[in-house]
Protein backbone atom coordinates (compact mmCIF):
# COMPACT_ATOMS: atom_id res chain seq x y z
CA MET A 1 7.86 -30.64 3.40
CA VAL A 2 4.46 -28.99 2.93
CA ALA A 3 3.14 -29.33 -0.62
CA ARG A 4 2.55 -26.11 -2.50
CA CYS A 5 -1.11 -26.37 -3.40
CA ASN A 6 -2.10 -22.75 -4.04
CA VAL A 7 -1.18 -20.48 -6.94
CA ALA A 8 -1.42 -16.75 -6.27
CA LEU A 9 -1.67 -14.14 -8.99
CA VAL A 10 -0.44 -10.93 -7.33
CA VAL A 11 -1.52 -7.95 -9.39
CA GLY A 12 0.63 -4.91 -8.66
CA ALA A 13 3.56 -7.02 -7.47
CA ALA A 14 6.09 -4.19 -7.78
CA GLY A 15 4.41 -1.90 -5.25
CA VAL A 16 4.78 -1.64 -1.48
CA ILE A 17 1.67 -3.73 -0.86
CA GLY A 18 2.21 -6.25 -3.66
CA GLY A 19 5.91 -6.70 -3.01
CA ASN A 20 5.40 -7.46 0.67
CA LEU A 21 2.53 -9.78 -0.21
CA VAL A 22 4.77 -11.75 -2.58
CA GLU A 23 7.40 -12.13 0.15
CA HIS A 24 4.81 -13.30 2.66
CA LEU A 25 3.29 -15.85 0.28
CA LEU A 26 6.69 -17.33 -0.55
CA SER A 27 7.70 -17.53 3.10
CA ASP A 28 4.52 -19.43 3.91
CA GLY A 29 5.75 -22.40 1.88
CA THR A 30 2.39 -23.41 0.41
CA TRP A 31 2.17 -21.00 -2.52
CA ASP A 32 3.49 -20.59 -6.01
CA VAL A 33 3.35 -16.95 -7.07
CA ILE A 34 2.85 -15.16 -10.37
CA GLY A 35 3.53 -11.43 -10.11
CA LEU A 36 1.95 -8.94 -12.51
CA SER A 37 3.20 -5.40 -13.00
CA ARG A 38 4.04 -2.99 -15.78
CA ARG A 39 7.77 -3.27 -14.98
CA GLY A 40 7.95 -7.03 -14.51
CA GLY A 41 10.42 -8.50 -12.03
CA THR A 42 13.08 -11.11 -11.31
CA ASP A 43 11.97 -14.73 -11.32
CA GLY A 44 13.02 -17.07 -8.52
CA ASP A 45 12.05 -20.24 -6.68
CA HIS A 46 8.27 -20.59 -6.85
CA VAL A 47 7.81 -17.08 -8.28
CA ARG A 48 7.70 -15.71 -11.81
CA HIS A 49 6.81 -12.29 -13.08
CA LEU A 50 4.85 -11.05 -16.07
CA SER A 51 4.88 -7.55 -17.53
CA VAL A 52 1.33 -6.70 -18.54
CA ASP A 53 -0.56 -3.54 -19.49
CA LEU A 54 -3.84 -4.30 -17.75
CA LEU A 55 -5.52 -1.37 -19.45
CA ASP A 56 -5.13 -3.24 -22.73
CA GLU A 57 -7.92 -5.82 -22.71
CA VAL A 58 -6.48 -7.83 -25.61
CA GLU A 59 -2.96 -7.96 -24.13
CA THR A 60 -4.35 -8.90 -20.72
CA HIS A 61 -6.33 -11.82 -22.15
CA ASP A 62 -3.37 -12.94 -24.27
CA LYS A 63 -0.84 -12.90 -21.40
CA LEU A 64 -3.15 -14.28 -18.72
CA GLY A 65 -4.91 -16.75 -20.98
CA SER A 66 -2.55 -19.58 -20.07
CA LEU A 67 -2.79 -19.18 -16.27
CA ALA A 68 -5.17 -22.07 -15.74
CA GLU A 69 -3.44 -23.00 -12.47
CA VAL A 70 -4.37 -19.79 -10.58
CA THR A 71 -6.38 -20.37 -7.40
CA HIS A 72 -6.27 -16.89 -5.87
CA ILE A 73 -6.12 -13.38 -7.32
CA PHE A 74 -4.65 -10.73 -5.02
CA TYR A 75 -5.41 -7.40 -6.66
CA ALA A 76 -3.29 -4.44 -5.49
CA ALA A 77 -2.73 -2.50 -8.72
CA TYR A 78 -3.35 1.24 -9.01
CA GLN A 79 -3.25 3.83 -11.76
CA ASP A 80 -2.96 7.45 -10.68
CA ARG A 81 -4.91 10.23 -12.37
CA PRO A 82 -5.25 13.99 -11.74
CA THR A 83 -8.84 13.92 -10.41
CA TRP A 84 -11.01 11.56 -8.40
CA ALA A 85 -13.41 11.15 -11.33
CA GLU A 86 -10.61 10.20 -13.70
CA LEU A 87 -9.44 7.44 -11.36
CA VAL A 88 -12.58 5.38 -11.89
CA GLY A 89 -12.22 4.37 -15.55
CA PRO A 90 -8.68 2.94 -15.62
CA ASN A 91 -8.75 1.37 -12.16
CA LEU A 92 -12.05 -0.37 -12.77
CA ALA A 93 -10.96 -1.50 -16.24
CA MET A 94 -7.75 -3.10 -14.95
CA LEU A 95 -9.63 -5.16 -12.37
CA VAL A 96 -12.33 -6.19 -14.85
CA ASN A 97 -9.77 -7.22 -17.47
CA THR A 98 -7.81 -9.26 -14.93
CA VAL A 99 -10.73 -11.13 -13.38
CA ARG A 100 -12.41 -11.89 -16.68
CA ALA A 101 -9.18 -13.16 -18.25
CA VAL A 102 -8.33 -15.47 -15.34
CA GLU A 103 -11.86 -16.64 -14.61
CA ALA A 104 -12.23 -17.80 -18.20
CA VAL A 105 -9.27 -20.20 -18.00
CA ALA A 106 -8.82 -21.09 -14.29
CA PRO A 107 -11.42 -23.68 -13.21
CA GLY A 108 -9.86 -23.89 -9.75
CA LEU A 109 -10.20 -20.17 -8.97
CA GLU A 110 -11.20 -19.90 -5.31
CA HIS A 111 -10.91 -16.26 -4.31
CA VAL A 112 -10.39 -12.69 -5.51
CA SER A 113 -8.91 -10.28 -2.97
CA LEU A 114 -9.35 -6.56 -3.63
CA MET A 115 -7.10 -3.98 -1.98
CA GLN A 116 -9.04 -0.83 -1.10
CA GLY A 117 -8.54 1.87 1.54
CA TYR A 118 -10.26 4.49 3.63
CA LYS A 119 -11.36 6.38 0.52
CA VAL A 120 -14.41 4.13 0.73
CA TYR A 121 -15.35 6.18 3.80
CA GLY A 122 -14.50 9.56 2.24
CA ALA A 123 -11.26 9.97 4.20
CA HIS A 124 -9.68 11.79 1.23
CA LEU A 125 -12.49 14.35 1.03
CA GLY A 126 -12.42 15.79 4.54
CA PRO A 127 -13.50 15.01 8.12
CA PHE A 128 -15.44 11.74 8.15
CA LYS A 129 -17.09 9.59 10.78
CA THR A 130 -14.55 7.87 13.01
CA PRO A 131 -14.00 5.16 13.79
CA ALA A 132 -15.04 4.14 10.30
CA ARG A 133 -16.73 0.75 10.10
CA GLU A 134 -17.21 -1.64 7.21
CA SER A 135 -20.98 -1.21 7.54
CA ASP A 136 -20.87 2.59 7.11
CA PRO A 137 -23.03 3.95 4.26
CA PRO A 138 -21.36 5.07 1.00
CA HIS A 139 -20.66 8.67 0.04
CA LEU A 140 -21.41 10.58 -3.14
CA PRO A 141 -19.41 9.19 -6.09
CA PRO A 142 -17.04 9.09 -7.89
CA GLU A 143 -15.01 6.50 -5.98
CA PHE A 144 -13.22 3.72 -7.85
CA ASN A 145 -12.89 1.49 -4.78
CA VAL A 146 -16.66 1.29 -4.53
CA ASP A 147 -17.08 0.58 -8.24
CA GLN A 148 -14.46 -2.17 -8.07
CA GLN A 149 -16.20 -3.87 -5.16
CA GLN A 150 -19.55 -3.63 -6.92
CA PHE A 151 -18.04 -5.34 -9.96
CA LEU A 152 -16.79 -8.22 -7.79
CA GLU A 153 -20.14 -8.58 -6.05
CA ASP A 154 -21.94 -8.74 -9.39
CA ALA A 155 -19.37 -11.05 -11.03
CA GLN A 156 -19.33 -13.48 -8.11
CA ARG A 157 -23.05 -14.21 -7.99
CA GLY A 158 -23.66 -17.85 -8.80
CA LYS A 159 -19.94 -18.65 -8.89
CA SER A 160 -17.89 -20.97 -6.72
CA TRP A 161 -15.17 -18.39 -6.02
CA THR A 162 -15.50 -15.73 -3.33
CA TRP A 163 -14.12 -12.22 -2.80
CA SER A 164 -12.82 -10.04 0.01
CA ALA A 165 -12.13 -6.30 0.21
CA ILE A 166 -9.18 -5.23 2.36
CA ARG A 167 -9.13 -1.68 3.69
CA PRO A 168 -5.80 -0.55 5.18
CA SER A 169 -4.87 2.88 6.43
CA VAL A 170 -1.62 4.46 5.17
CA VAL A 171 0.59 1.47 4.34
CA VAL A 172 4.18 1.65 5.58
CA GLY A 173 6.85 -0.69 4.24
CA PHE A 174 9.73 -0.99 1.80
CA GLY A 175 9.13 -0.09 -1.83
CA LEU A 176 10.62 2.16 -4.47
CA GLY A 177 8.97 4.04 -7.31
CA ASN A 178 5.59 3.96 -5.58
CA PRO A 179 3.31 7.02 -5.53
CA MET A 180 2.11 6.26 -1.98
CA ASN A 181 5.14 5.62 0.21
CA LEU A 182 5.11 7.73 3.37
CA ALA A 183 8.15 6.01 4.93
CA LEU A 184 10.39 7.14 2.06
CA VAL A 185 8.96 10.64 2.19
CA ILE A 186 9.92 11.01 5.85
CA ALA A 187 13.27 9.22 5.48
CA VAL A 188 14.50 11.30 2.54
CA TYR A 189 13.17 14.53 4.06
CA ALA A 190 15.06 13.72 7.29
CA THR A 191 18.19 12.84 5.29
CA PHE A 192 18.11 16.26 3.65
CA CYS A 193 17.58 18.04 6.97
CA LYS A 194 20.53 16.19 8.52
CA ARG A 195 22.78 17.00 5.57
CA LEU A 196 21.80 20.69 5.69
CA GLY A 197 22.13 20.90 9.48
CA ILE A 198 18.56 21.98 10.11
CA PRO A 199 15.83 20.54 12.35
CA LEU A 200 13.13 18.23 11.07
CA ARG A 201 9.99 20.33 11.03
CA PHE A 202 6.55 18.85 10.57
CA PRO A 203 5.42 20.27 7.20
CA GLY A 204 1.68 19.63 7.44
CA LYS A 205 -1.35 21.67 8.36
CA PRO A 206 -1.52 22.90 11.97
CA GLY A 207 -4.54 20.73 12.72
CA ALA A 208 -2.78 17.61 11.43
CA TRP A 209 -0.11 17.98 14.13
CA THR A 210 -2.57 16.98 16.87
CA SER A 211 -5.18 14.89 15.04
CA LEU A 212 -5.42 11.15 15.63
CA ILE A 213 -4.09 8.93 12.86
CA GLU A 214 -3.18 5.28 12.36
CA MET A 215 -1.00 3.27 9.99
CA THR A 216 -0.92 -0.23 8.52
CA ASP A 217 2.34 -2.17 8.49
CA ALA A 218 2.92 -3.77 5.07
CA GLY A 219 3.86 -7.11 6.62
CA LEU A 220 0.77 -7.17 8.82
CA LEU A 221 -1.33 -6.23 5.80
CA ALA A 222 0.08 -9.13 3.78
CA GLU A 223 -0.76 -11.59 6.57
CA ALA A 224 -4.27 -10.22 6.95
CA THR A 225 -4.89 -10.29 3.21
CA VAL A 226 -3.97 -13.97 2.94
CA TRP A 227 -5.91 -14.76 6.12
CA ALA A 228 -9.08 -13.21 4.69
CA ALA A 229 -8.59 -14.98 1.36
CA THR A 230 -8.21 -18.41 2.95
CA THR A 231 -10.68 -18.25 5.84
CA PRO A 232 -14.16 -19.43 4.79
CA GLU A 233 -15.88 -17.24 7.40
CA CYS A 234 -14.45 -14.16 5.65
CA ALA A 235 -16.02 -14.84 2.27
CA ASN A 236 -17.65 -11.94 0.43
CA GLN A 237 -16.88 -9.32 3.08
CA ALA A 238 -14.80 -6.19 3.63
CA PHE A 239 -12.27 -5.75 6.45
CA ASN A 240 -10.50 -2.74 7.93
CA ILE A 241 -6.86 -3.69 8.57
CA ASN A 242 -4.68 -1.47 10.76
CA ASN A 243 -1.89 -1.75 13.30
CA GLY A 244 -4.27 -1.50 16.23
CA ASP A 245 -2.84 1.66 17.78
CA LEU A 246 -3.38 5.39 17.27
CA PHE A 247 -0.96 8.30 17.50
CA ARG A 248 -0.63 12.03 16.93
CA TRP A 249 2.23 13.49 14.92
CA ASP A 250 3.18 15.82 17.81
CA GLU A 251 4.19 12.71 19.76
CA MET A 252 5.50 10.59 16.89
CA TRP A 253 7.57 13.25 15.09
CA PRO A 254 10.28 13.66 17.78
CA VAL A 255 10.71 9.85 17.84
CA LEU A 256 11.31 9.80 14.09
CA ALA A 257 13.74 12.73 14.25
CA ALA A 258 15.70 11.11 17.07
CA HIS A 259 16.19 8.01 14.92
CA PHE A 260 18.05 10.14 12.38
CA GLY A 261 19.98 11.99 15.08
CA ILE A 262 18.46 15.39 14.36
CA ASP A 263 16.47 17.91 16.35
CA THR A 264 12.92 19.04 15.78
CA ALA A 265 11.51 22.55 15.82
CA ALA A 266 8.08 24.09 15.65
CA PRO A 267 5.95 22.81 12.76
CA LEU A 268 6.14 24.89 9.59
CA PRO A 269 3.39 24.28 7.03
CA MET A 270 4.84 23.93 3.55
CA SER A 271 4.39 21.95 0.38
CA LEU A 272 7.00 19.23 0.14
CA GLU A 273 6.35 18.98 -3.58
CA VAL A 274 7.44 22.61 -3.96
CA ALA A 275 10.24 22.49 -1.39
CA MET A 276 11.82 19.40 -2.94
CA ALA A 277 11.61 20.58 -6.56
CA ASP A 278 15.27 21.68 -6.58
CA LYS A 279 16.71 18.88 -4.42
CA GLU A 280 17.68 16.32 -7.08
CA ALA A 281 21.31 17.52 -7.19
CA LEU A 282 21.51 17.33 -3.39
CA TRP A 283 20.15 13.79 -3.48
CA ASP A 284 22.73 12.76 -6.08
CA GLU A 285 25.50 14.20 -3.87
CA ILE A 286 24.26 12.21 -0.87
CA VAL A 287 24.04 9.01 -2.92
CA ALA A 288 27.63 9.45 -4.15
CA GLU A 289 29.05 10.50 -0.77
CA HIS A 290 27.56 7.57 1.12
CA GLN A 291 27.91 5.08 -1.74
CA LEU A 292 24.20 4.34 -1.73
CA GLN A 293 22.32 2.33 -4.29
CA PRO A 294 22.01 4.54 -7.39
CA THR A 295 18.32 5.28 -6.89
CA PRO A 296 16.92 8.08 -9.07
CA PHE A 297 15.37 10.97 -7.19
CA SER A 298 12.10 10.29 -9.00
CA ALA A 299 11.94 6.87 -7.33
CA VAL A 300 12.06 8.30 -3.80
CA SER A 301 10.06 11.49 -4.28
CA SER A 302 6.50 10.66 -3.20
CA TRP A 303 6.19 14.28 -2.13
CA ILE A 304 2.63 14.76 -3.38
CA PHE A 305 1.52 11.84 -1.24
CA GLY A 306 3.36 13.27 1.76
CA ASP A 307 1.56 16.59 1.29
CA PHE A 308 -1.73 14.67 1.04
CA VAL A 309 -1.27 12.76 4.31
CA PHE A 310 0.18 15.68 6.26
CA ALA A 311 -2.81 17.82 5.27
CA TRP A 312 -5.25 15.65 7.22
CA ASP A 313 -6.22 18.11 9.93
CA TYR A 314 -8.89 15.71 11.18
CA ASP A 315 -8.92 12.26 12.77
CA VAL A 316 -8.21 9.37 10.38
CA PHE A 317 -8.85 5.93 11.82
CA ALA A 318 -11.16 2.95 11.44
CA ASP A 319 -12.50 0.16 13.60
CA GLY A 320 -10.42 -2.96 12.99
CA SER A 321 -12.31 -5.19 15.42
CA LYS A 322 -14.27 -7.11 12.78
CA ALA A 323 -11.15 -8.90 11.56
CA ARG A 324 -10.03 -9.55 15.12
CA ARG A 325 -13.41 -10.99 16.10
CA LEU A 326 -13.07 -13.48 13.24
CA GLY A 327 -9.57 -14.52 14.29
CA PHE A 328 -6.90 -12.14 12.96
CA GLN A 329 -5.17 -11.03 16.15
CA ARG A 330 -1.83 -9.54 15.10
CA HIS A 331 -0.96 -6.01 16.25
CA VAL A 332 2.03 -3.80 15.34
CA ASP A 333 3.46 -0.91 17.34
CA SER A 334 3.54 2.01 14.89
CA ARG A 335 6.63 3.60 16.43
CA ALA A 336 8.58 0.37 16.10
CA MET A 337 7.25 -0.05 12.57
CA PHE A 338 8.61 3.29 11.37
CA LEU A 339 12.01 2.67 12.94
CA GLU A 340 12.22 -0.83 11.47
CA VAL A 341 11.41 0.45 7.98
CA PHE A 342 14.00 3.23 8.29
CA GLY A 343 16.55 0.63 9.39
CA ASP A 344 15.60 -1.55 6.44
CA LEU A 345 16.09 1.36 4.04
CA ALA A 346 19.54 1.92 5.50
CA ARG A 347 20.45 -1.77 5.30
CA ARG A 348 19.44 -1.78 1.65
CA ARG A 349 21.59 1.35 1.23
CA ILE A 350 18.72 3.47 -0.02
CA ILE A 351 19.40 6.10 2.67
CA PRO A 352 22.59 6.69 4.74
CA THR A 353 23.13 4.81 7.99
CA GLY A 354 23.47 6.61 11.29
């Protein structure tokens, strides 16, 4: 049996990214895991969870002050705010509080992994240079991802630990109660369309229907994150992590609809946030009729995020060759990824089967 010699502190363990990362670390057999989140979690073999308000500096230092065994910090926490400028303060503070609390008590700290995204390249602002590369110049602030990386660069100087910045595209995987979960958006939207006997129409902007886009499988992302954190050649660098393929919604959408056994029709631009505002009662009916897990509508309604992604009427993709040149070779077929996640949601009885 391989000895467990690493201790991972997964910050944001209840999210899509953090949850899949915890599963991957445990399956590897060489890690003990401590999961941090506001909600906490269920302890198990080689994993325990802590509920921590990382915005509270005193509480963070109190609750993390005994974690002397931590060797790796995997930071994937996120606090949403109404504007881009307002995102900077809380998201930077949570990272700072975490790193300072652990660094002060963990002499064996080896690495801090920071989860970022294509916002570093301005993907959220409008058309940007594609394929985006890790060496691309920054854009006009505010941008909390940039501030977080700058903190790590400054904090690491003269230290024995290293850092990495991981930049996925839209992450697709299982997770509930997460503000950025496109798979659930599509699955619940399709479930409603099937129940109402109507086709699944693409709700985004006309230009988004034919623009190039890519995704990042949550399992692939977990593997790449650990790879970067444990490969010496990756120290103190950023990496784009994506599935390795591109698609357009006009080709992908019929595949997704066919999985749910429904037709498609011409795209019809609409706000999902508005269209779904009165659908809670319908959701509750579906849950009762199909004897699904009693998941509140609020836990599956990432409609704002769906509107955000489906509004990208420009190409959204990055060059992932840097990671592959250094040895991370895994690819994922995005069509198969979506269908596997939908199947997983059905197996977990979050959405109906068939």
